[in-house]
Amino acid sequence: MGVNIPKLLLKSLKSQASTVGLKAATLTRPTPGTRTPGALSGGTNPTTTTYVCQAMIEVLTIGDMPATLVQENDRKIGILGASLPSGIIPRVQDQITLADVDGVSKTFRLVAPVSGDGVGALYEFQARK
């Protein structure tokens, strides 16, 4: 029987949530819609799907990404894989909304992967408001 690293990481970080900055979050995935029949110039009807998860936010540094790719208000978002439903992997263009301690939520768009761990325990992305 193997060790479930994503679940171990989630359990460990949840027990230290305030120390490591773990926050309740919602991942929102846009899905392209279909064109309305008979309305060829009417555009599509996109939908979104949301997934509750746990995430951490940090200031993005030049050590994380090349300086030419980082904007002033970019952040690094770490999403815990085990907090997402099975088979859901964050991807570029998804949005993440994080609850803040003062009750104000902050929403970011995932613009580029920063790193991955190969086992799905932690997905890190460059995120932009």
Protein backbone atom coordinates (compact mmCIF):
# COMPACT_ATOMS: atom_id res chain seq x y z
CA MET A 1 0.00 0.00 0.00
CA GLY A 2 1.45 3.37 -1.03
CA VAL A 3 1.59 6.64 0.82
CA ASN A 4 -0.92 9.27 -0.29
CA ILE A 5 1.37 12.32 -0.31
CA PRO A 6 -1.32 14.83 -1.35
CA LYS A 7 -3.57 13.85 1.57
CA LEU A 8 -0.65 13.86 4.03
CA LEU A 9 0.33 17.37 2.94
CA LEU A 10 -3.26 18.62 3.23
CA LYS A 11 -3.65 17.15 6.72
CA SER A 12 -0.32 18.57 7.88
CA LEU A 13 -0.98 22.07 6.53
CA LYS A 14 -4.56 22.16 7.83
CA SER A 15 -3.25 21.53 11.34
CA GLN A 16 -1.02 24.61 10.94
CA ALA A 17 -3.38 26.70 8.78
CA SER A 18 -2.83 30.04 10.52
CA THR A 19 0.96 29.61 10.58
CA VAL A 20 1.36 28.72 6.89
CA GLY A 21 -1.42 31.00 5.60
CA LEU A 22 -3.75 28.26 4.37
CA LYS A 23 -7.07 29.75 3.24
CA ALA A 24 -10.43 28.50 2.09
CA ALA A 25 -10.66 29.07 -1.65
CA THR A 26 -12.85 28.48 -4.69
CA LEU A 27 -11.41 27.46 -8.04
CA THR A 28 -13.60 28.63 -10.93
CA ARG A 29 -13.19 27.01 -14.34
CA PRO A 30 -14.67 28.70 -17.40
CA THR A 31 -16.03 26.35 -20.03
CA PRO A 32 -16.67 27.56 -23.57
CA GLY A 33 -20.28 27.41 -24.49
CA THR A 34 -21.96 26.58 -27.73
CA ARG A 35 -23.36 28.94 -30.27
CA THR A 36 -27.11 29.43 -30.10
CA PRO A 37 -28.67 27.73 -33.15
CA GLY A 38 -29.79 30.30 -35.70
CA ALA A 39 -27.76 33.11 -34.09
CA LEU A 40 -24.43 32.83 -35.86
CA SER A 41 -23.26 36.26 -34.72
CA GLY A 42 -24.75 35.96 -31.24
CA GLY A 43 -21.60 34.60 -29.59
CA THR A 44 -21.43 31.60 -27.32
CA ASN A 45 -22.94 30.86 -23.95
CA PRO A 46 -19.97 30.11 -21.69
CA THR A 47 -20.51 28.50 -18.30
CA THR A 48 -18.40 28.16 -15.18
CA THR A 49 -17.89 25.34 -12.71
CA THR A 50 -16.62 25.96 -9.18
CA TYR A 51 -14.62 23.72 -6.86
CA VAL A 52 -14.02 24.38 -3.16
CA CYS A 53 -10.37 23.94 -2.18
CA GLN A 54 -7.56 25.08 0.11
CA ALA A 55 -4.84 27.46 -1.09
CA MET A 56 -1.97 29.69 0.00
CA ILE A 57 -0.95 33.05 -1.43
CA GLU A 58 2.50 34.61 -1.54
CA VAL A 59 4.20 37.53 -3.22
CA LEU A 60 5.69 36.31 -6.50
CA THR A 61 9.43 36.90 -6.70
CA ILE A 62 11.85 37.12 -9.59
CA GLY A 63 13.29 33.83 -8.32
CA ASP A 64 9.95 32.18 -9.16
CA MET A 65 9.62 33.52 -12.71
CA PRO A 66 11.76 35.54 -15.13
CA ALA A 67 11.55 39.25 -14.26
CA THR A 68 10.10 40.14 -17.66
CA LEU A 69 7.04 38.00 -16.94
CA VAL A 70 6.21 39.30 -13.45
CA GLN A 71 3.92 42.28 -12.94
CA GLU A 72 3.86 44.32 -9.75
CA ASN A 73 0.68 42.84 -8.28
CA ASP A 74 1.26 39.23 -9.36
CA ARG A 75 1.07 36.60 -6.65
CA LYS A 76 2.08 32.99 -6.29
CA ILE A 77 -0.89 30.78 -5.44
CA GLY A 78 -0.36 27.27 -4.08
CA ILE A 79 -3.42 25.04 -4.44
CA LEU A 80 -3.49 21.81 -2.44
CA GLY A 81 -4.34 18.97 -4.81
CA ALA A 82 -6.02 16.80 -2.17
CA SER A 83 -8.49 19.60 -1.39
CA LEU A 84 -9.88 19.46 -4.94
CA PRO A 85 -12.31 16.83 -6.22
CA SER A 86 -10.69 13.78 -7.79
CA GLY A 87 -9.49 14.41 -11.34
CA ILE A 88 -9.59 18.22 -11.10
CA ILE A 89 -6.22 19.80 -11.85
CA PRO A 90 -5.90 23.61 -11.87
CA ARG A 91 -4.93 25.11 -15.21
CA VAL A 92 -4.10 28.42 -16.81
CA GLN A 93 -7.18 30.66 -17.23
CA ASP A 94 -8.90 29.22 -14.15
CA GLN A 95 -9.73 31.77 -11.47
CA ILE A 96 -9.17 31.37 -7.75
CA THR A 97 -10.96 33.29 -5.04
CA LEU A 98 -9.36 33.25 -1.60
CA ALA A 99 -11.07 34.21 1.64
CA ASP A 100 -9.13 36.84 3.56
CA VAL A 101 -8.88 37.27 7.32
CA ASP A 102 -10.76 40.58 7.20
CA GLY A 103 -13.65 38.96 5.32
CA VAL A 104 -12.71 40.42 1.95
CA SER A 105 -12.27 37.88 -0.84
CA LYS A 106 -9.61 38.30 -3.50
CA THR A 107 -9.93 36.80 -6.99
CA PHE A 108 -6.99 36.04 -9.26
CA ARG A 109 -6.62 34.51 -12.72
CA LEU A 110 -4.04 31.74 -13.05
CA VAL A 111 -1.66 32.95 -15.77
CA ALA A 112 1.29 30.52 -15.69
CA PRO A 113 2.41 27.44 -13.77
CA VAL A 114 5.34 28.12 -11.42
CA SER A 115 6.10 24.56 -10.38
CA GLY A 116 4.56 21.18 -9.76
CA ASP A 117 5.54 18.33 -7.54
CA GLY A 118 4.74 15.42 -9.86
CA VAL A 119 2.30 13.78 -7.45
CA GLY A 120 -0.45 16.40 -7.36
CA ALA A 121 0.10 17.49 -3.76
CA LEU A 122 0.67 21.17 -4.56
CA TYR A 123 0.01 23.15 -7.73
CA GLU A 124 1.76 26.52 -7.83
CA PHE A 125 0.73 29.24 -10.28
CA GLN A 126 1.56 32.80 -11.11
CA ALA A 127 -1.73 34.60 -10.52
CA ARG A 128 -2.90 38.06 -11.54
CA LYS A 129 -5.84 40.26 -10.50
